[in-house]
């Protein structure tokens, strides 16, 4: 049975990663939309890399947080994109520095792809 709360949190993180306007406004300027008091890239990193095994083996979370292998593969691609940023620049940049790196486009694109898959699965 899916953990709806964790899935909802993952989708919120995907939405943030897929939206460059949100990143600039909320993560950098601190002007988050109503209902979100504060957000930052670090929250996404902790959720994906520290709080869950999503970055290690997302297939293990099929049926728990993920619906199927399409979602697991999309999360693998996202973590690959994130790891590429961390490999190239380390883990100590500010949000505004990360989102200006050329590789950030891959992060946004992979998050958008994952988000589309998640939304499609939620409709079914």
PDB file of N, CA and C in Angstrom:
ATOM      1  N   UNK A   1       0.845  -1.182   0.000  1.00  0.00           N
ATOM      2  CA  UNK A   1       0.000   0.000   0.000  1.00  0.00           C
ATOM      3  C   UNK A   1       0.892   1.248   0.000  1.00  0.00           C
ATOM      4  N   UNK A   2       0.552   2.193  -0.846  1.00  0.00           N
ATOM      5  CA  UNK A   2       1.349   3.415  -0.971  1.00  0.00           C
ATOM      6  C   UNK A   2       1.253   4.281   0.280  1.00  0.00           C
ATOM      7  N   UNK A   3       2.382   4.836   0.656  1.00  0.00           N
ATOM      8  CA  UNK A   3       2.420   5.829   1.725  1.00  0.00           C
ATOM      9  C   UNK A   3       2.065   7.178   1.096  1.00  0.00           C
ATOM     10  N   UNK A   4       0.817   7.558   1.223  1.00  0.00           N
ATOM     11  CA  UNK A   4       0.315   8.758   0.538  1.00  0.00           C
ATOM     12  C   UNK A   4       1.017  10.028   0.990  1.00  0.00           C
ATOM     13  N   UNK A   5       1.356  10.115   2.262  1.00  0.00           N
ATOM     14  CA  UNK A   5       2.017  11.319   2.775  1.00  0.00           C
ATOM     15  C   UNK A   5       3.417  11.483   2.165  1.00  0.00           C
ATOM     16  N   UNK A   6       4.176  10.399   2.130  1.00  0.00           N
ATOM     17  CA  UNK A   6       5.515  10.473   1.536  1.00  0.00           C
ATOM     18  C   UNK A   6       5.429  10.741   0.038  1.00  0.00           C
ATOM     19  N   UNK A   7       4.460  10.131  -0.620  1.00  0.00           N
ATOM     20  CA  UNK A   7       4.288  10.345  -2.051  1.00  0.00           C
ATOM     21  C   UNK A   7       3.935  11.804  -2.325  1.00  0.00           C
ATOM     22  N   UNK A   8       3.044  12.360  -1.530  1.00  0.00           N
ATOM     23  CA  UNK A   8       2.656  13.764  -1.672  1.00  0.00           C
ATOM     24  C   UNK A   8       3.874  14.678  -1.478  1.00  0.00           C
ATOM     25  N   UNK A   9       4.703  14.357  -0.487  1.00  0.00           N
ATOM     26  CA  UNK A   9       5.905  15.165  -0.250  1.00  0.00           C
ATOM     27  C   UNK A   9       6.883  15.056  -1.429  1.00  0.00           C
ATOM     28  N   UNK A  10       7.046  13.854  -1.959  1.00  0.00           N
ATOM     29  CA  UNK A  10       7.922  13.682  -3.122  1.00  0.00           C
ATOM     30  C   UNK A  10       7.402  14.494  -4.307  1.00  0.00           C
ATOM     31  N   UNK A  11       6.118  14.457  -4.549  1.00  0.00           N
ATOM     32  CA  UNK A  11       5.538  15.215  -5.657  1.00  0.00           C
ATOM     33  C   UNK A  11       5.741  16.714  -5.446  1.00  0.00           C
ATOM     34  N   UNK A  12       5.615  17.182  -4.224  1.00  0.00           N
ATOM     35  CA  UNK A  12       5.873  18.606  -3.937  1.00  0.00           C
ATOM     36  C   UNK A  12       7.316  18.967  -4.261  1.00  0.00           C
ATOM     37  N   UNK A  13       8.243  18.089  -3.925  1.00  0.00           N
ATOM     38  CA  UNK A  13       9.651  18.341  -4.249  1.00  0.00           C
ATOM     39  C   UNK A  13       9.882  18.322  -5.758  1.00  0.00           C
ATOM     40  N   UNK A  14       9.225  17.405  -6.451  1.00  0.00           N
ATOM     41  CA  UNK A  14       9.338  17.369  -7.915  1.00  0.00           C
ATOM     42  C   UNK A  14       8.782  18.651  -8.531  1.00  0.00           C
ATOM     43  N   UNK A  15       7.671  19.118  -8.000  1.00  0.00           N
ATOM     44  CA  UNK A  15       7.089  20.371  -8.493  1.00  0.00           C
ATOM     45  C   UNK A  15       8.065  21.530  -8.313  1.00  0.00           C
ATOM     46  N   UNK A  16       8.725  21.574  -7.170  1.00  0.00           N
ATOM     47  CA  UNK A  16       9.696  22.644  -6.913  1.00  0.00           C
ATOM     48  C   UNK A  16      10.884  22.537  -7.873  1.00  0.00           C
ATOM     49  N   UNK A  17      11.388  21.323  -8.073  1.00  0.00           N
ATOM     50  CA  UNK A  17      12.530  21.132  -8.972  1.00  0.00           C
ATOM     51  C   UNK A  17      12.178  21.403 -10.426  1.00  0.00           C
ATOM     52  N   UNK A  18      10.927  21.239 -10.782  1.00  0.00           N
ATOM     53  CA  UNK A  18      10.499  21.405 -12.173  1.00  0.00           C
ATOM     54  C   UNK A  18      10.145  22.849 -12.518  1.00  0.00           C
ATOM     55  N   UNK A  19      10.141  23.729 -11.539  1.00  0.00           N
ATOM     56  CA  UNK A  19       9.637  25.095 -11.729  1.00  0.00           C
ATOM     57  C   UNK A  19      10.717  26.130 -11.409  1.00  0.00           C
ATOM     58  N   UNK A  20      11.367  26.639 -12.450  1.00  0.00           N
ATOM     59  CA  UNK A  20      12.455  27.599 -12.233  1.00  0.00           C
ATOM     60  C   UNK A  20      11.954  28.908 -11.627  1.00  0.00           C
ATOM     61  N   UNK A  21      10.745  29.306 -11.924  1.00  0.00           N
ATOM     62  CA  UNK A  21      10.186  30.528 -11.320  1.00  0.00           C
ATOM     63  C   UNK A  21      10.020  30.350  -9.811  1.00  0.00           C
ATOM     64  N   UNK A  22       9.489  29.196  -9.415  1.00  0.00           N
ATOM     65  CA  UNK A  22       9.340  28.887  -7.991  1.00  0.00           C
ATOM     66  C   UNK A  22      10.707  28.920  -7.304  1.00  0.00           C
ATOM     67  N   UNK A  23      11.701  28.311  -7.922  1.00  0.00           N
ATOM     68  CA  UNK A  23      13.040  28.272  -7.334  1.00  0.00           C
ATOM     69  C   UNK A  23      13.574  29.683  -7.095  1.00  0.00           C
ATOM     70  N   UNK A  24      13.424  30.529  -8.091  1.00  0.00           N
ATOM     71  CA  UNK A  24      13.925  31.901  -7.976  1.00  0.00           C
ATOM     72  C   UNK A  24      13.158  32.681  -6.903  1.00  0.00           C
ATOM     73  N   UNK A  25      11.843  32.572  -6.943  1.00  0.00           N
ATOM     74  CA  UNK A  25      11.017  33.342  -6.016  1.00  0.00           C
ATOM     75  C   UNK A  25      11.092  32.829  -4.583  1.00  0.00           C
ATOM     76  N   UNK A  26      10.964  31.525  -4.418  1.00  0.00           N
ATOM     77  CA  UNK A  26      10.873  30.962  -3.069  1.00  0.00           C
ATOM     78  C   UNK A  26      12.241  30.622  -2.485  1.00  0.00           C
ATOM     79  N   UNK A  27      13.031  29.857  -3.237  1.00  0.00           N
ATOM     80  CA  UNK A  27      14.318  29.437  -2.700  1.00  0.00           C
ATOM     81  C   UNK A  27      15.297  30.589  -2.587  1.00  0.00           C
ATOM     82  N   UNK A  28      15.318  31.464  -3.574  1.00  0.00           N
ATOM     83  CA  UNK A  28      16.324  32.531  -3.594  1.00  0.00           C
ATOM     84  C   UNK A  28      15.813  33.795  -2.895  1.00  0.00           C
ATOM     85  N   UNK A  29      14.635  34.252  -3.281  1.00  0.00           N
ATOM     86  CA  UNK A  29      14.112  35.513  -2.735  1.00  0.00           C
ATOM     87  C   UNK A  29      13.318  35.344  -1.444  1.00  0.00           C
ATOM     88  N   UNK A  30      12.913  34.106  -1.135  1.00  0.00           N
ATOM     89  CA  UNK A  30      12.143  33.866   0.085  1.00  0.00           C
ATOM     90  C   UNK A  30      10.683  34.254  -0.018  1.00  0.00           C
ATOM     91  N   UNK A  31      10.180  34.462  -1.234  1.00  0.00           N
ATOM     92  CA  UNK A  31       8.775  34.811  -1.459  1.00  0.00           C
ATOM     93  C   UNK A  31       8.024  33.561  -1.904  1.00  0.00           C
ATOM     94  N   UNK A  32       7.661  32.737  -0.949  1.00  0.00           N
ATOM     95  CA  UNK A  32       6.993  31.481  -1.255  1.00  0.00           C
ATOM     96  C   UNK A  32       5.499  31.715  -1.431  1.00  0.00           C
ATOM     97  N   UNK A  33       4.855  30.823  -2.187  1.00  0.00           N
ATOM     98  CA  UNK A  33       3.414  30.961  -2.395  1.00  0.00           C
ATOM     99  C   UNK A  33       2.636  30.745  -1.093  1.00  0.00           C
ATOM    100  N   UNK A  34       1.393  31.192  -1.055  1.00  0.00           N
ATOM    101  CA  UNK A  34       0.570  30.985   0.147  1.00  0.00           C
ATOM    102  C   UNK A  34       0.537  29.506   0.544  1.00  0.00           C
ATOM    103  N   UNK A  35       0.636  29.274   1.828  1.00  0.00           N
ATOM    104  CA  UNK A  35       0.628  27.911   2.340  1.00  0.00           C
ATOM    105  C   UNK A  35       2.013  27.318   2.518  1.00  0.00           C
ATOM    106  N   UNK A  36       3.028  27.976   1.954  1.00  0.00           N
ATOM    107  CA  UNK A  36       4.411  27.523   2.119  1.00  0.00           C
ATOM    108  C   UNK A  36       5.168  28.625   2.840  1.00  0.00           C
ATOM    109  N   UNK A  37       5.488  28.358   4.083  1.00  0.00           N
ATOM    110  CA  UNK A  37       6.169  29.374   4.882  1.00  0.00           C
ATOM    111  C   UNK A  37       7.615  29.561   4.443  1.00  0.00           C
ATOM    112  N   UNK A  38       8.282  28.448   4.150  1.00  0.00           N
ATOM    113  CA  UNK A  38       9.694  28.500   3.772  1.00  0.00           C
ATOM    114  C   UNK A  38      10.036  27.240   2.997  1.00  0.00           C
ATOM    115  N   UNK A  39      10.910  27.352   2.039  1.00  0.00           N
ATOM    116  CA  UNK A  39      11.370  26.200   1.276  1.00  0.00           C
ATOM    117  C   UNK A  39      12.767  26.507   0.756  1.00  0.00           C
ATOM    118  N   UNK A  40      13.535  25.454   0.517  1.00  0.00           N
ATOM    119  CA  UNK A  40      14.869  25.590  -0.050  1.00  0.00           C
ATOM    120  C   UNK A  40      15.284  24.274  -0.691  1.00  0.00           C
ATOM    121  N   UNK A  41      16.263  24.349  -1.559  1.00  0.00           N
ATOM    122  CA  UNK A  41      16.775  23.182  -2.275  1.00  0.00           C
ATOM    123  C   UNK A  41      17.247  22.101  -1.304  1.00  0.00           C
ATOM    124  N   UNK A  42      17.797  22.498  -0.188  1.00  0.00           N
ATOM    125  CA  UNK A  42      18.308  21.558   0.805  1.00  0.00           C
ATOM    126  C   UNK A  42      17.222  20.584   1.268  1.00  0.00           C
ATOM    127  N   UNK A  43      15.982  21.020   1.346  1.00  0.00           N
ATOM    128  CA  UNK A  43      14.877  20.139   1.747  1.00  0.00           C
ATOM    129  C   UNK A  43      14.723  18.994   0.744  1.00  0.00           C
ATOM    130  N   UNK A  44      14.835  19.322  -0.541  1.00  0.00           N
ATOM    131  CA  UNK A  44      14.734  18.310  -1.597  1.00  0.00           C
ATOM    132  C   UNK A  44      15.874  17.309  -1.461  1.00  0.00           C
ATOM    133  N   UNK A  45      17.076  17.824  -1.290  1.00  0.00           N
ATOM    134  CA  UNK A  45      18.259  16.965  -1.183  1.00  0.00           C
ATOM    135  C   UNK A  45      18.114  16.009  -0.007  1.00  0.00           C
ATOM    136  N   UNK A  46      17.711  16.527   1.142  1.00  0.00           N
ATOM    137  CA  UNK A  46      17.568  15.663   2.319  1.00  0.00           C
ATOM    138  C   UNK A  46      16.500  14.596   2.098  1.00  0.00           C
ATOM    139  N   UNK A  47      15.388  14.963   1.489  1.00  0.00           N
ATOM    140  CA  UNK A  47      14.322  13.992   1.258  1.00  0.00           C
ATOM    141  C   UNK A  47      14.796  12.872   0.334  1.00  0.00           C
ATOM    142  N   UNK A  48      15.422  13.237  -0.771  1.00  0.00           N
ATOM    143  CA  UNK A  48      15.815  12.238  -1.771  1.00  0.00           C
ATOM    144  C   UNK A  48      17.044  11.432  -1.351  1.00  0.00           C
ATOM    145  N   UNK A  49      18.020  12.093  -0.726  1.00  0.00           N
ATOM    146  CA  UNK A  49      19.295  11.425  -0.445  1.00  0.00           C
ATOM    147  C   UNK A  49      19.437  10.929   0.993  1.00  0.00           C
ATOM    148  N   UNK A  50      18.769  11.553   1.935  1.00  0.00           N
ATOM    149  CA  UNK A  50      18.986  11.208   3.344  1.00  0.00           C
ATOM    150  C   UNK A  50      17.778  10.539   4.005  1.00  0.00           C
ATOM    151  N   UNK A  51      16.593  11.091   3.768  1.00  0.00           N
ATOM    152  CA  UNK A  51      15.404  10.635   4.487  1.00  0.00           C
ATOM    153  C   UNK A  51      14.748   9.407   3.869  1.00  0.00           C
ATOM    154  N   UNK A  52      15.048   9.141   2.620  1.00  0.00           N
ATOM    155  CA  UNK A  52      14.479   7.986   1.916  1.00  0.00           C
ATOM    156  C   UNK A  52      15.593   7.294   1.129  1.00  0.00           C
ATOM    157  N   UNK A  53      15.368   6.055   0.723  1.00  0.00           N
ATOM    158  CA  UNK A  53      16.354   5.381  -0.125  1.00  0.00           C
ATOM    159  C   UNK A  53      16.140   5.654  -1.620  1.00  0.00           C
ATOM    160  N   UNK A  54      15.461   6.748  -1.960  1.00  0.00           N
ATOM    161  CA  UNK A  54      15.178   7.050  -3.358  1.00  0.00           C
ATOM    162  C   UNK A  54      16.436   7.143  -4.207  1.00  0.00           C
ATOM    163  N   UNK A  55      17.496   7.695  -3.666  1.00  0.00           N
ATOM    164  CA  UNK A  55      18.720   7.874  -4.454  1.00  0.00           C
ATOM    165  C   UNK A  55      19.515   6.578  -4.586  1.00  0.00           C
ATOM    166  N   UNK A  56      19.336   5.656  -3.661  1.00  0.00           N
ATOM    167  CA  UNK A  56      20.096   4.405  -3.692  1.00  0.00           C
ATOM    168  C   UNK A  56      19.459   3.374  -4.613  1.00  0.00           C
ATOM    169  N   UNK A  57      18.202   3.099  -4.378  1.00  0.00           N
ATOM    170  CA  UNK A  57      17.508   2.091  -5.176  1.00  0.00           C
ATOM    171  C   UNK A  57      16.011   2.376  -5.150  1.00  0.00           C
ATOM    172  N   UNK A  58      15.555   3.250  -6.032  1.00  0.00           N
ATOM    173  CA  UNK A  58      14.136   3.592  -6.016  1.00  0.00           C
ATOM    174  C   UNK A  58      13.218   2.398  -6.288  1.00  0.00           C
ATOM    175  N   UNK A  59      13.733   1.370  -6.949  1.00  0.00           N
ATOM    176  CA  UNK A  59      12.899   0.187  -7.191  1.00  0.00           C
ATOM    177  C   UNK A  59      12.398  -0.433  -5.890  1.00  0.00           C
ATOM    178  N   UNK A  60      13.176  -0.286  -4.814  1.00  0.00           N
ATOM    179  CA  UNK A  60      12.764  -0.811  -3.514  1.00  0.00           C
ATOM    180  C   UNK A  60      11.544  -0.083  -2.959  1.00  0.00           C
ATOM    181  N   UNK A  61      11.227   1.080  -3.516  1.00  0.00           N
ATOM    182  CA  UNK A  61      10.091   1.853  -3.012  1.00  0.00           C
ATOM    183  C   UNK A  61       8.847   1.722  -3.886  1.00  0.00           C
ATOM    184  N   UNK A  62       8.909   0.843  -4.876  1.00  0.00           N
ATOM    185  CA  UNK A  62       7.702   0.571  -5.667  1.00  0.00           C
ATOM    186  C   UNK A  62       6.690  -0.117  -4.750  1.00  0.00           C
ATOM    187  N   UNK A  63       5.497   0.440  -4.731  1.00  0.00           N
ATOM    188  CA  UNK A  63       4.458  -0.058  -3.843  1.00  0.00           C
ATOM    189  C   UNK A  63       4.448   0.630  -2.492  1.00  0.00           C
ATOM    190  N   UNK A  64       5.489   1.413  -2.202  1.00  0.00           N
ATOM    191  CA  UNK A  64       5.560   2.155  -0.943  1.00  0.00           C
ATOM    192  C   UNK A  64       5.360   3.647  -1.207  1.00  0.00           C
ATOM    193  N   UNK A  65       6.193   4.202  -2.089  1.00  0.00           N
ATOM    194  CA  UNK A  65       6.101   5.618  -2.477  1.00  0.00           C
ATOM    195  C   UNK A  65       5.887   5.737  -3.981  1.00  0.00           C
ATOM    196  N   UNK A  66       6.436   4.801  -4.718  1.00  0.00           N
ATOM    197  CA  UNK A  66       6.358   4.812  -6.175  1.00  0.00           C
ATOM    198  C   UNK A  66       5.359   3.774  -6.656  1.00  0.00           C
ATOM    199  N   UNK A  67       4.709   4.060  -7.787  1.00  0.00           N
ATOM    200  CA  UNK A  67       3.701   3.147  -8.335  1.00  0.00           C
ATOM    201  C   UNK A  67       4.294   2.046  -9.192  1.00  0.00           C
ATOM    202  N   UNK A  68       5.357   2.372  -9.934  1.00  0.00           N
ATOM    203  CA  UNK A  68       5.840   1.406 -10.918  1.00  0.00           C
ATOM    204  C   UNK A  68       7.279   1.714 -11.329  1.00  0.00           C
ATOM    205  N   UNK A  69       7.791   0.898 -12.248  1.00  0.00           N
ATOM    206  CA  UNK A  69       9.175   1.065 -12.695  1.00  0.00           C
ATOM    207  C   UNK A  69       9.362   2.355 -13.495  1.00  0.00           C
ATOM    208  N   UNK A  70       8.308   2.858 -14.135  1.00  0.00           N
ATOM    209  CA  UNK A  70       8.430   4.145 -14.841  1.00  0.00           C
ATOM    210  C   UNK A  70       8.779   5.257 -13.856  1.00  0.00           C
ATOM    211  N   UNK A  71       8.112   5.265 -12.725  1.00  0.00           N
ATOM    212  CA  UNK A  71       8.428   6.270 -11.707  1.00  0.00           C
ATOM    213  C   UNK A  71       9.825   6.048 -11.138  1.00  0.00           C
ATOM    214  N   UNK A  72      10.177   4.801 -10.880  1.00  0.00           N
ATOM    215  CA  UNK A  72      11.516   4.495 -10.346  1.00  0.00           C
ATOM    216  C   UNK A  72      12.596   4.941 -11.324  1.00  0.00           C
ATOM    217  N   UNK A  73      12.396   4.674 -12.606  1.00  0.00           N
ATOM    218  CA  UNK A  73      13.375   5.089 -13.614  1.00  0.00           C
ATOM    219  C   UNK A  73      13.479   6.611 -13.698  1.00  0.00           C
ATOM    220  N   UNK A  74      12.353   7.292 -13.565  1.00  0.00           N
ATOM    221  CA  UNK A  74      12.365   8.758 -13.592  1.00  0.00           C
ATOM    222  C   UNK A  74      13.123   9.316 -12.393  1.00  0.00           C
ATOM    223  N   UNK A  75      12.965   8.691 -11.232  1.00  0.00           N
ATOM    224  CA  UNK A  75      13.696   9.131 -10.043  1.00  0.00           C
ATOM    225  C   UNK A  75      15.188   8.834 -10.206  1.00  0.00           C
ATOM    226  N   UNK A  76      15.533   7.715 -10.827  1.00  0.00           N
ATOM    227  CA  UNK A  76      16.947   7.411 -11.098  1.00  0.00           C
ATOM    228  C   UNK A  76      17.564   8.496 -11.974  1.00  0.00           C
ATOM    229  N   UNK A  77      16.843   8.916 -13.002  1.00  0.00           N
ATOM    230  CA  UNK A  77      17.346   9.965 -13.893  1.00  0.00           C
ATOM    231  C   UNK A  77      17.510  11.285 -13.134  1.00  0.00           C
ATOM    232  N   UNK A  78      16.553  11.597 -12.292  1.00  0.00           N
ATOM    233  CA  UNK A  78      16.644  12.819 -11.492  1.00  0.00           C
ATOM    234  C   UNK A  78      17.854  12.775 -10.566  1.00  0.00           C
ATOM    235  N   UNK A  79      18.049  11.670  -9.876  1.00  0.00           N
ATOM    236  CA  UNK A  79      19.198  11.594  -8.962  1.00  0.00           C
ATOM    237  C   UNK A  79      20.510  11.625  -9.737  1.00  0.00           C
ATOM    238  N   UNK A  80      20.515  11.088 -10.937  1.00  0.00           N
ATOM    239  CA  UNK A  80      21.709  11.193 -11.802  1.00  0.00           C
ATOM    240  C   UNK A  80      22.012  12.659 -12.095  1.00  0.00           C
ATOM    241  N   UNK A  81      20.989  13.402 -12.444  1.00  0.00           N
ATOM    242  CA  UNK A  81      21.163  14.833 -12.740  1.00  0.00           C
ATOM    243  C   UNK A  81      21.648  15.588 -11.511  1.00  0.00           C
ATOM    244  N   UNK A  82      21.069  15.288 -10.377  1.00  0.00           N
ATOM    245  CA  UNK A  82      21.499  15.948  -9.136  1.00  0.00           C
ATOM    246  C   UNK A  82      22.937  15.564  -8.792  1.00  0.00           C
ATOM    247  N   UNK A  83      23.261  14.292  -8.924  1.00  0.00           N
ATOM    248  CA  UNK A  83      24.637  13.856  -8.636  1.00  0.00           C
ATOM    249  C   UNK A  83      25.644  14.519  -9.561  1.00  0.00           C
ATOM    250  N   UNK A  84      25.265  14.753 -10.792  1.00  0.00           N
ATOM    251  CA  UNK A  84      26.148  15.438 -11.731  1.00  0.00           C
ATOM    252  C   UNK A  84      26.478  16.848 -11.234  1.00  0.00           C
ATOM    253  N   UNK A  85      25.476  17.547 -10.752  1.00  0.00           N
ATOM    254  CA  UNK A  85      25.687  18.891 -10.181  1.00  0.00           C
ATOM    255  C   UNK A  85      26.633  18.803  -8.983  1.00  0.00           C
ATOM    256  N   UNK A  86      26.360  17.844  -8.095  1.00  0.00           N
ATOM    257  CA  UNK A  86      27.186  17.722  -6.888  1.00  0.00           C
ATOM    258  C   UNK A  86      28.607  17.284  -7.230  1.00  0.00           C
ATOM    259  N   UNK A  87      28.757  16.404  -8.206  1.00  0.00           N
ATOM    260  CA  UNK A  87      30.096  15.971  -8.622  1.00  0.00           C
ATOM    261  C   UNK A  87      30.900  17.141  -9.191  1.00  0.00           C
ATOM    262  N   UNK A  88      30.229  17.991  -9.941  1.00  0.00           N
ATOM    263  CA  UNK A  88      30.924  19.118 -10.582  1.00  0.00           C
ATOM    264  C   UNK A  88      31.175  20.295  -9.659  1.00  0.00           C
ATOM    265  N   UNK A  89      30.276  20.534  -8.706  1.00  0.00           N
ATOM    266  CA  UNK A  89      30.357  21.770  -7.917  1.00  0.00           C
ATOM    267  C   UNK A  89      30.366  21.557  -6.409  1.00  0.00           C
ATOM    268  N   UNK A  90      30.235  20.330  -5.962  1.00  0.00           N
ATOM    269  CA  UNK A  90      30.199  20.085  -4.533  1.00  0.00           C
ATOM    270  C   UNK A  90      28.808  20.316  -3.966  1.00  0.00           C
ATOM    271  N   UNK A  91      28.733  20.275  -2.651  1.00  0.00           N
ATOM    272  CA  UNK A  91      27.438  20.360  -1.990  1.00  0.00           C
ATOM    273  C   UNK A  91      27.308  21.605  -1.120  1.00  0.00           C
ATOM    274  N   UNK A  92      28.137  22.589  -1.367  1.00  0.00           N
ATOM    275  CA  UNK A  92      28.132  23.757  -0.495  1.00  0.00           C
ATOM    276  C   UNK A  92      27.726  25.054  -1.182  1.00  0.00           C
ATOM    277  N   UNK A  93      27.179  24.971  -2.397  1.00  0.00           N
ATOM    278  CA  UNK A  93      26.735  26.181  -3.076  1.00  0.00           C
ATOM    279  C   UNK A  93      25.395  26.645  -2.510  1.00  0.00           C
ATOM    280  N   UNK A  94      25.104  27.902  -2.712  1.00  0.00           N
ATOM    281  CA  UNK A  94      23.785  28.413  -2.335  1.00  0.00           C
ATOM    282  C   UNK A  94      22.773  27.987  -3.390  1.00  0.00           C
ATOM    283  N   UNK A  95      21.502  28.076  -3.045  1.00  0.00           N
ATOM    284  CA  UNK A  95      20.456  27.750  -4.019  1.00  0.00           C
ATOM    285  C   UNK A  95      20.608  28.586  -5.278  1.00  0.00           C
ATOM    286  N   UNK A  96      20.876  29.868  -5.101  1.00  0.00           N
ATOM    287  CA  UNK A  96      21.006  30.753  -6.267  1.00  0.00           C
ATOM    288  C   UNK A  96      22.190  30.351  -7.140  1.00  0.00           C
ATOM    289  N   UNK A  97      23.238  29.804  -6.547  1.00  0.00           N
ATOM    290  CA  UNK A  97      24.386  29.344  -7.336  1.00  0.00           C
ATOM    291  C   UNK A  97      24.054  28.051  -8.084  1.00  0.00           C
ATOM    292  N   UNK A  98      23.404  27.110  -7.414  1.00  0.00           N
ATOM    293  CA  UNK A  98      23.057  25.855  -8.084  1.00  0.00           C
ATOM    294  C   UNK A  98      22.166  26.104  -9.293  1.00  0.00           C
ATOM    295  N   UNK A  99      21.145  26.922  -9.126  1.00  0.00           N
ATOM    296  CA  UNK A  99      20.159  27.061 -10.203  1.00  0.00           C
ATOM    297  C   UNK A  99      20.679  27.852 -11.396  1.00  0.00           C
ATOM    298  N   UNK A 100      21.877  28.416 -11.283  1.00  0.00           N
ATOM    299  CA  UNK A 100      22.458  29.123 -12.429  1.00  0.00           C
ATOM    300  C   UNK A 100      23.488  28.276 -13.191  1.00  0.00           C
ATOM    301  N   UNK A 101      23.772  27.099 -12.683  1.00  0.00           N
ATOM    302  CA  UNK A 101      24.744  26.227 -13.354  1.00  0.00           C
ATOM    303  C   UNK A 101      24.114  25.629 -14.614  1.00  0.00           C
ATOM    304  N   UNK A 102      24.908  25.443 -15.671  1.00  0.00           N
ATOM    305  CA  UNK A 102      24.348  24.891 -16.917  1.00  0.00           C
ATOM    306  C   UNK A 102      23.683  23.525 -16.721  1.00  0.00           C
ATOM    307  N   UNK A 103      24.218  22.712 -15.840  1.00  0.00           N
ATOM    308  CA  UNK A 103      23.676  21.372 -15.596  1.00  0.00           C
ATOM    309  C   UNK A 103      22.314  21.406 -14.914  1.00  0.00           C
ATOM    310  N   UNK A 104      21.974  22.572 -14.356  1.00  0.00           N
ATOM    311  CA  UNK A 104      20.688  22.675 -13.667  1.00  0.00           C
ATOM    312  C   UNK A 104      19.529  22.425 -14.630  1.00  0.00           C
ATOM    313  N   UNK A 105      19.734  22.751 -15.903  1.00  0.00           N
ATOM    314  CA  UNK A 105      18.680  22.496 -16.903  1.00  0.00           C
ATOM    315  C   UNK A 105      18.327  21.013 -16.947  1.00  0.00           C
ATOM    316  N   UNK A 106      19.320  20.147 -16.767  1.00  0.00           N
ATOM    317  CA  UNK A 106      19.055  18.703 -16.745  1.00  0.00           C
ATOM    318  C   UNK A 106      18.246  18.304 -15.515  1.00  0.00           C
ATOM    319  N   UNK A 107      18.541  18.957 -14.388  1.00  0.00           N
ATOM    320  CA  UNK A 107      17.776  18.696 -13.166  1.00  0.00           C
ATOM    321  C   UNK A 107      16.312  19.077 -13.392  1.00  0.00           C
ATOM    322  N   UNK A 108      16.082  20.262 -13.922  1.00  0.00           N
ATOM    323  CA  UNK A 108      14.718  20.741 -14.156  1.00  0.00           C
ATOM    324  C   UNK A 108      14.004  19.825 -15.151  1.00  0.00           C
ATOM    325  N   UNK A 109      14.676  19.470 -16.230  1.00  0.00           N
ATOM    326  CA  UNK A 109      14.055  18.615 -17.252  1.00  0.00           C
ATOM    327  C   UNK A 109      13.718  17.233 -16.686  1.00  0.00           C
ATOM    328  N   UNK A 110      14.618  16.657 -15.917  1.00  0.00           N
ATOM    329  CA  UNK A 110      14.338  15.330 -15.364  1.00  0.00           C
ATOM    330  C   UNK A 110      13.230  15.403 -14.309  1.00  0.00           C
ATOM    331  N   UNK A 111      13.160  16.492 -13.563  1.00  0.00           N
ATOM    332  CA  UNK A 111      12.072  16.672 -12.596  1.00  0.00           C
ATOM    333  C   UNK A 111      10.734  16.844 -13.316  1.00  0.00           C
ATOM    334  N   UNK A 112      10.733  17.598 -14.409  1.00  0.00           N
ATOM    335  CA  UNK A 112       9.505  17.771 -15.184  1.00  0.00           C
ATOM    336  C   UNK A 112       9.023  16.441 -15.753  1.00  0.00           C
ATOM    337  N   UNK A 113       9.950  15.646 -16.269  1.00  0.00           N
ATOM    338  CA  UNK A 113       9.596  14.337 -16.808  1.00  0.00           C
ATOM    339  C   UNK A 113       9.019  13.447 -15.712  1.00  0.00           C
ATOM    340  N   UNK A 114       9.680  13.412 -14.570  1.00  0.00           N
ATOM    341  CA  UNK A 114       9.196  12.600 -13.447  1.00  0.00           C
ATOM    342  C   UNK A 114       7.817  13.076 -12.994  1.00  0.00           C
ATOM    343  N   UNK A 115       7.656  14.369 -12.888  1.00  0.00           N
ATOM    344  CA  UNK A 115       6.382  14.924 -12.447  1.00  0.00           C
ATOM    345  C   UNK A 115       5.254  14.535 -13.407  1.00  0.00           C
ATOM    346  N   UNK A 116       5.509  14.569 -14.694  1.00  0.00           N
ATOM    347  CA  UNK A 116       4.504  14.162 -15.675  1.00  0.00           C
ATOM    348  C   UNK A 116       4.107  12.698 -15.490  1.00  0.00           C
ATOM    349  N   UNK A 117       5.079  11.847 -15.230  1.00  0.00           N
ATOM    350  CA  UNK A 117       4.794  10.420 -15.004  1.00  0.00           C
ATOM    351  C   UNK A 117       3.970  10.239 -13.733  1.00  0.00           C
ATOM    352  N   UNK A 118       4.342  10.925 -12.671  1.00  0.00           N
ATOM    353  CA  UNK A 118       3.611  10.830 -11.411  1.00  0.00           C
ATOM    354  C   UNK A 118       2.167  11.324 -11.585  1.00  0.00           C
ATOM    355  N   UNK A 119       2.013  12.431 -12.271  1.00  0.00           N
ATOM    356  CA  UNK A 119       0.664  12.963 -12.484  1.00  0.00           C
ATOM    357  C   UNK A 119      -0.184  12.016 -13.313  1.00  0.00           C
ATOM    358  N   UNK A 120       0.412  11.414 -14.324  1.00  0.00           N
ATOM    359  CA  UNK A 120      -0.310  10.446 -15.147  1.00  0.00           C
ATOM    360  C   UNK A 120      -0.751   9.263 -14.301  1.00  0.00           C
ATOM    361  N   UNK A 121       0.146   8.754 -13.460  1.00  0.00           N
ATOM    362  CA  UNK A 121      -0.201   7.633 -12.599  1.00  0.00           C
ATOM    363  C   UNK A 121      -1.274   8.003 -11.589  1.00  0.00           C
ATOM    364  N   UNK A 122      -1.268   9.236 -11.096  1.00  0.00           N
ATOM    365  CA  UNK A 122      -2.271   9.656 -10.125  1.00  0.00           C
ATOM    366  C   UNK A 122      -3.652   9.766 -10.746  1.00  0.00           C
ATOM    367  N   UNK A 123      -3.703   9.975 -12.064  1.00  0.00           N
ATOM    368  CA  UNK A 123      -4.983  10.060 -12.761  1.00  0.00           C
ATOM    369  C   UNK A 123      -5.597   8.679 -12.986  1.00  0.00           C
ATOM    370  N   UNK A 124      -4.749   7.672 -13.019  1.00  0.00           N
ATOM    371  CA  UNK A 124      -5.243   6.306 -13.288  1.00  0.00           C
ATOM    372  C   UNK A 124      -5.745   5.630 -12.050  1.00  0.00           C
TER     373      UNK A 124
END
